[in-house]
């Protein structure tokens, strides 16, 4: 079956960087996205990439700081997070949908990982 496994979260200070990874299995020709959810908040879109990595989309709150990429040979998506801010603190989830396009809405995604905690201190 389809499985997504995130890793790379942790506790960092403001201004630091983290690189999240998401290893996917059981899928082919899929788009991927990263979402995050803070306590008491709705799950929100962070970044998305299409199948071949040629099209990306970012939330305004992370644009210029985060970079999403995809390595199909390794079945892995990445989220490089630079200049982290305390407001970036959340559980980060990777997600996949059965399509080659870039998607930014939660309902588009069929599969979700378990999440990885990112905590940014002041």
C-alpha atoms as a PDB file:
ATOM      1  CA  UNK A   1       0.000   0.000   0.000  1.00  0.00           C
ATOM      2  CA  UNK A   2       0.945   3.663  -0.193  1.00  0.00           C
ATOM      3  CA  UNK A   3       3.176   4.904   2.591  1.00  0.00           C
ATOM      4  CA  UNK A   4       4.748   8.301   3.262  1.00  0.00           C
ATOM      5  CA  UNK A   5       7.380   8.724   5.962  1.00  0.00           C
ATOM      6  CA  UNK A   6       8.602  12.160   7.043  1.00  0.00           C
ATOM      7  CA  UNK A   7      11.833  12.897   8.858  1.00  0.00           C
ATOM      8  CA  UNK A   8      14.120  15.796   9.674  1.00  0.00           C
ATOM      9  CA  UNK A   9      12.089  17.765  12.173  1.00  0.00           C
ATOM     10  CA  UNK A  10      13.550  19.061  15.389  1.00  0.00           C
ATOM     11  CA  UNK A  11      14.089  21.960  17.758  1.00  0.00           C
ATOM     12  CA  UNK A  12      16.009  24.913  16.343  1.00  0.00           C
ATOM     13  CA  UNK A  13      16.518  28.596  17.016  1.00  0.00           C
ATOM     14  CA  UNK A  14      15.093  31.409  14.945  1.00  0.00           C
ATOM     15  CA  UNK A  15      17.190  31.954  11.841  1.00  0.00           C
ATOM     16  CA  UNK A  16      18.324  28.339  11.646  1.00  0.00           C
ATOM     17  CA  UNK A  17      17.616  25.876   8.856  1.00  0.00           C
ATOM     18  CA  UNK A  18      16.086  22.417   8.620  1.00  0.00           C
ATOM     19  CA  UNK A  19      15.673  19.987   5.776  1.00  0.00           C
ATOM     20  CA  UNK A  20      12.649  17.712   5.875  1.00  0.00           C
ATOM     21  CA  UNK A  21      12.490  14.514   3.859  1.00  0.00           C
ATOM     22  CA  UNK A  22       9.525  12.415   2.792  1.00  0.00           C
ATOM     23  CA  UNK A  23      10.048   8.933   1.400  1.00  0.00           C
ATOM     24  CA  UNK A  24       7.122   7.601  -0.613  1.00  0.00           C
ATOM     25  CA  UNK A  25       6.315   4.046  -1.584  1.00  0.00           C
ATOM     26  CA  UNK A  26       3.525   2.500  -3.611  1.00  0.00           C
ATOM     27  CA  UNK A  27       3.077   5.482  -5.941  1.00  0.00           C
ATOM     28  CA  UNK A  28       4.137   6.449  -9.436  1.00  0.00           C
ATOM     29  CA  UNK A  29       3.818   9.740 -11.327  1.00  0.00           C
ATOM     30  CA  UNK A  30       2.522  11.683  -8.354  1.00  0.00           C
ATOM     31  CA  UNK A  31       2.582  15.245  -7.168  1.00  0.00           C
ATOM     32  CA  UNK A  32       3.575  16.056  -3.606  1.00  0.00           C
ATOM     33  CA  UNK A  33       3.012  18.781  -1.101  1.00  0.00           C
ATOM     34  CA  UNK A  34       3.935  19.896   2.380  1.00  0.00           C
ATOM     35  CA  UNK A  35       1.358  21.097   4.885  1.00  0.00           C
ATOM     36  CA  UNK A  36       1.642  22.133   8.505  1.00  0.00           C
ATOM     37  CA  UNK A  37      -0.642  22.284  11.489  1.00  0.00           C
ATOM     38  CA  UNK A  38      -0.060  24.176  14.713  1.00  0.00           C
ATOM     39  CA  UNK A  39      -2.046  23.420  17.889  1.00  0.00           C
ATOM     40  CA  UNK A  40      -5.555  24.813  17.617  1.00  0.00           C
ATOM     41  CA  UNK A  41      -5.080  25.747  13.961  1.00  0.00           C
ATOM     42  CA  UNK A  42      -6.315  24.355  10.670  1.00  0.00           C
ATOM     43  CA  UNK A  43      -3.927  22.420   8.516  1.00  0.00           C
ATOM     44  CA  UNK A  44      -2.419  24.887   6.063  1.00  0.00           C
ATOM     45  CA  UNK A  45      -0.664  24.645   2.757  1.00  0.00           C
ATOM     46  CA  UNK A  46       3.091  25.221   2.728  1.00  0.00           C
ATOM     47  CA  UNK A  47       4.518  24.100  -0.612  1.00  0.00           C
ATOM     48  CA  UNK A  48       3.788  21.800  -3.536  1.00  0.00           C
ATOM     49  CA  UNK A  49       5.655  20.331  -6.484  1.00  0.00           C
ATOM     50  CA  UNK A  50       4.463  18.508  -9.565  1.00  0.00           C
ATOM     51  CA  UNK A  51       5.690  15.105 -10.657  1.00  0.00           C
ATOM     52  CA  UNK A  52       8.785  16.158 -12.597  1.00  0.00           C
ATOM     53  CA  UNK A  53       9.726  19.012 -10.271  1.00  0.00           C
ATOM     54  CA  UNK A  54       9.285  21.676 -12.931  1.00  0.00           C
ATOM     55  CA  UNK A  55       6.380  23.470 -11.267  1.00  0.00           C
ATOM     56  CA  UNK A  56       6.275  24.602  -7.641  1.00  0.00           C
ATOM     57  CA  UNK A  57       3.946  26.627  -5.469  1.00  0.00           C
ATOM     58  CA  UNK A  58       4.463  28.235  -2.056  1.00  0.00           C
ATOM     59  CA  UNK A  59       2.359  29.835   0.606  1.00  0.00           C
ATOM     60  CA  UNK A  60       3.057  33.549   0.920  1.00  0.00           C
ATOM     61  CA  UNK A  61       4.238  33.039   4.490  1.00  0.00           C
ATOM     62  CA  UNK A  62       7.171  30.856   3.403  1.00  0.00           C
ATOM     63  CA  UNK A  63       7.969  32.218  -0.046  1.00  0.00           C
ATOM     64  CA  UNK A  64      11.642  33.070  -0.358  1.00  0.00           C
ATOM     65  CA  UNK A  65      12.571  31.011   2.698  1.00  0.00           C
ATOM     66  CA  UNK A  66      11.414  27.466   1.900  1.00  0.00           C
ATOM     67  CA  UNK A  67      12.233  25.341  -1.129  1.00  0.00           C
ATOM     68  CA  UNK A  68      10.426  22.172  -2.155  1.00  0.00           C
ATOM     69  CA  UNK A  69      12.079  19.611  -4.391  1.00  0.00           C
ATOM     70  CA  UNK A  70      11.558  16.064  -5.534  1.00  0.00           C
ATOM     71  CA  UNK A  71      13.959  13.255  -6.411  1.00  0.00           C
ATOM     72  CA  UNK A  72      11.984  10.632  -8.295  1.00  0.00           C
ATOM     73  CA  UNK A  73      14.917   8.224  -8.430  1.00  0.00           C
ATOM     74  CA  UNK A  74      14.852   8.111  -4.627  1.00  0.00           C
ATOM     75  CA  UNK A  75      11.057   8.440  -4.328  1.00  0.00           C
ATOM     76  CA  UNK A  76      11.714  11.315  -1.971  1.00  0.00           C
ATOM     77  CA  UNK A  77      10.457  14.868  -1.568  1.00  0.00           C
ATOM     78  CA  UNK A  78      12.288  17.523   0.407  1.00  0.00           C
ATOM     79  CA  UNK A  79      11.457  20.768   2.101  1.00  0.00           C
ATOM     80  CA  UNK A  80      14.463  22.995   2.717  1.00  0.00           C
ATOM     81  CA  UNK A  81      13.516  25.526   5.372  1.00  0.00           C
ATOM     82  CA  UNK A  82      15.783  28.526   5.867  1.00  0.00           C
ATOM     83  CA  UNK A  83      15.492  31.583   8.096  1.00  0.00           C
ATOM     84  CA  UNK A  84      13.047  29.784  10.344  1.00  0.00           C
ATOM     85  CA  UNK A  85      10.730  31.842  12.515  1.00  0.00           C
ATOM     86  CA  UNK A  86       8.839  30.921  15.692  1.00  0.00           C
ATOM     87  CA  UNK A  87       5.592  31.115  13.718  1.00  0.00           C
ATOM     88  CA  UNK A  88       6.853  28.217  11.593  1.00  0.00           C
ATOM     89  CA  UNK A  89       6.437  25.943  14.612  1.00  0.00           C
ATOM     90  CA  UNK A  90       4.023  23.146  13.690  1.00  0.00           C
ATOM     91  CA  UNK A  91       3.710  19.512  12.781  1.00  0.00           C
ATOM     92  CA  UNK A  92       4.717  19.218   9.142  1.00  0.00           C
ATOM     93  CA  UNK A  93       3.022  16.647   6.937  1.00  0.00           C
ATOM     94  CA  UNK A  94       3.963  15.471   3.497  1.00  0.00           C
ATOM     95  CA  UNK A  95       1.193  14.426   1.157  1.00  0.00           C
ATOM     96  CA  UNK A  96       0.840  12.861  -2.271  1.00  0.00           C
ATOM     97  CA  UNK A  97      -1.825  12.806  -4.952  1.00  0.00           C
ATOM     98  CA  UNK A  98      -2.210  10.631  -7.996  1.00  0.00           C
ATOM     99  CA  UNK A  99      -1.464  13.243 -10.608  1.00  0.00           C
ATOM    100  CA  UNK A 100       1.446  15.017 -12.242  1.00  0.00           C
ATOM    101  CA  UNK A 101       0.207  18.539 -11.486  1.00  0.00           C
ATOM    102  CA  UNK A 102       0.868  20.921  -8.617  1.00  0.00           C
ATOM    103  CA  UNK A 103      -1.911  21.037  -6.028  1.00  0.00           C
ATOM    104  CA  UNK A 104      -2.385  23.363  -3.061  1.00  0.00           C
ATOM    105  CA  UNK A 105      -5.655  22.154  -1.507  1.00  0.00           C
ATOM    106  CA  UNK A 106      -5.973  19.479   1.153  1.00  0.00           C
ATOM    107  CA  UNK A 107      -8.867  17.632  -0.566  1.00  0.00           C
ATOM    108  CA  UNK A 108      -6.717  17.023  -3.646  1.00  0.00           C
ATOM    109  CA  UNK A 109      -4.306  14.847  -1.700  1.00  0.00           C
ATOM    110  CA  UNK A 110      -5.082  11.182  -1.231  1.00  0.00           C
ATOM    111  CA  UNK A 111      -2.214  10.106   0.997  1.00  0.00           C
ATOM    112  CA  UNK A 112      -0.617  11.608   4.072  1.00  0.00           C
ATOM    113  CA  UNK A 113       2.378  10.937   6.248  1.00  0.00           C
ATOM    114  CA  UNK A 114       2.345  10.832  10.034  1.00  0.00           C
ATOM    115  CA  UNK A 115       4.015  14.215  10.418  1.00  0.00           C
ATOM    116  CA  UNK A 116       7.234  15.507  11.925  1.00  0.00           C
ATOM    117  CA  UNK A 117       7.470  18.189  14.605  1.00  0.00           C
ATOM    118  CA  UNK A 118       9.303  21.425  13.868  1.00  0.00           C
ATOM    119  CA  UNK A 119       9.814  23.774  16.796  1.00  0.00           C
ATOM    120  CA  UNK A 120      11.501  27.155  16.386  1.00  0.00           C
ATOM    121  CA  UNK A 121      12.493  29.081  19.493  1.00  0.00           C
ATOM    122  CA  UNK A 122      12.986  32.838  19.671  1.00  0.00           C
END
